[in-house]
Amino acid sequence: LPGKSSKDLKTATKSQVPVKEDPVAILKRKLDEAVRDERYEDAAKIRDELQRLTGKK
């Protein structure tokens, strides 16, 4: 592109790539929401999935 250095292009490309969020962080946020909304069955399923992913019991 005229007027753009290769550094500018690399920066633009990097900033446009969506960053994947950590699946554990996503599940923790969903767990918090489920508990807050008093959806305890959903919360238990999410908790179990978190334990499976992290290897914790």
C-alpha atoms as a PDB file:
ATOM      1  CA  LEU A   1       0.000   0.000   0.000  1.00  0.00           C
ATOM      2  CA  PRO A   2       1.341   3.423  -0.878  1.00  0.00           C
ATOM      3  CA  GLY A   3       2.523   5.466   2.075  1.00  0.00           C
ATOM      4  CA  LYS A   4       2.557   2.506   4.468  1.00  0.00           C
ATOM      5  CA  SER A   5       5.754   0.970   5.745  1.00  0.00           C
ATOM      6  CA  SER A   6       6.037  -2.763   6.245  1.00  0.00           C
ATOM      7  CA  LYS A   7       6.048  -2.082  10.007  1.00  0.00           C
ATOM      8  CA  ASP A   8       2.674  -0.303   9.713  1.00  0.00           C
ATOM      9  CA  LEU A   9       1.252  -3.234   7.772  1.00  0.00           C
ATOM     10  CA  LYS A  10       2.484  -5.799  10.301  1.00  0.00           C
ATOM     11  CA  THR A  11       0.977  -3.810  13.166  1.00  0.00           C
ATOM     12  CA  ALA A  12      -2.353  -3.462  11.365  1.00  0.00           C
ATOM     13  CA  THR A  13      -2.447  -7.180  10.598  1.00  0.00           C
ATOM     14  CA  LYS A  14      -1.616  -8.149  14.181  1.00  0.00           C
ATOM     15  CA  SER A  15      -4.279  -5.917  15.692  1.00  0.00           C
ATOM     16  CA  GLN A  16      -6.968  -7.298  13.385  1.00  0.00           C
ATOM     17  CA  VAL A  17      -6.388 -10.928  14.334  1.00  0.00           C
ATOM     18  CA  PRO A  18      -8.917 -11.939  16.989  1.00  0.00           C
ATOM     19  CA  VAL A  19      -7.310 -13.218  20.158  1.00  0.00           C
ATOM     20  CA  LYS A  20      -8.740 -16.502  21.383  1.00  0.00           C
ATOM     21  CA  GLU A  21      -9.695 -16.308  25.017  1.00  0.00           C
ATOM     22  CA  ASP A  22      -8.605 -19.077  27.337  1.00  0.00           C
ATOM     23  CA  PRO A  23     -11.371 -21.753  27.541  1.00  0.00           C
ATOM     24  CA  VAL A  24     -10.918 -21.955  31.319  1.00  0.00           C
ATOM     25  CA  ALA A  25     -11.448 -18.195  31.641  1.00  0.00           C
ATOM     26  CA  ILE A  26     -14.579 -18.422  29.501  1.00  0.00           C
ATOM     27  CA  LEU A  27     -15.975 -21.230  31.653  1.00  0.00           C
ATOM     28  CA  LYS A  28     -15.181 -19.367  34.876  1.00  0.00           C
ATOM     29  CA  ARG A  29     -17.086 -16.348  33.599  1.00  0.00           C
ATOM     30  CA  LYS A  30     -20.027 -18.568  32.593  1.00  0.00           C
ATOM     31  CA  LEU A  31     -19.940 -20.231  36.017  1.00  0.00           C
ATOM     32  CA  ASP A  32     -20.085 -16.848  37.741  1.00  0.00           C
ATOM     33  CA  GLU A  33     -23.037 -15.829  35.561  1.00  0.00           C
ATOM     34  CA  ALA A  34     -24.891 -19.092  36.210  1.00  0.00           C
ATOM     35  CA  VAL A  35     -24.475 -18.775  39.986  1.00  0.00           C
ATOM     36  CA  ARG A  36     -25.477 -15.109  39.920  1.00  0.00           C
ATOM     37  CA  ASP A  37     -28.610 -16.014  37.924  1.00  0.00           C
ATOM     38  CA  GLU A  38     -29.310 -18.938  40.305  1.00  0.00           C
ATOM     39  CA  ARG A  39     -29.008 -21.513  37.503  1.00  0.00           C
ATOM     40  CA  TYR A  40     -27.437 -24.085  39.769  1.00  0.00           C
ATOM     41  CA  GLU A  41     -27.778 -27.095  37.438  1.00  0.00           C
ATOM     42  CA  ASP A  42     -25.959 -25.177  34.713  1.00  0.00           C
ATOM     43  CA  ALA A  43     -23.373 -24.040  37.265  1.00  0.00           C
ATOM     44  CA  ALA A  44     -22.729 -27.644  38.314  1.00  0.00           C
ATOM     45  CA  LYS A  45     -22.212 -28.725  34.693  1.00  0.00           C
ATOM     46  CA  ILE A  46     -19.842 -25.826  34.079  1.00  0.00           C
ATOM     47  CA  ARG A  47     -17.976 -26.617  37.315  1.00  0.00           C
ATOM     48  CA  ASP A  48     -17.582 -30.233  36.204  1.00  0.00           C
ATOM     49  CA  GLU A  49     -16.268 -29.133  32.809  1.00  0.00           C
ATOM     50  CA  LEU A  50     -13.787 -26.782  34.498  1.00  0.00           C
ATOM     51  CA  GLN A  51     -12.566 -29.628  36.688  1.00  0.00           C
ATOM     52  CA  ARG A  52     -12.175 -31.855  33.626  1.00  0.00           C
ATOM     53  CA  LEU A  53     -10.158 -29.201  31.785  1.00  0.00           C
ATOM     54  CA  THR A  54      -7.918 -28.319  34.712  1.00  0.00           C
ATOM     55  CA  GLY A  55      -7.540 -31.838  36.081  1.00  0.00           C
ATOM     56  CA  LYS A  56      -8.787 -30.753  39.507  1.00  0.00           C
ATOM     57  CA  LYS A  57     -11.460 -32.377  41.631  1.00  0.00           C
END
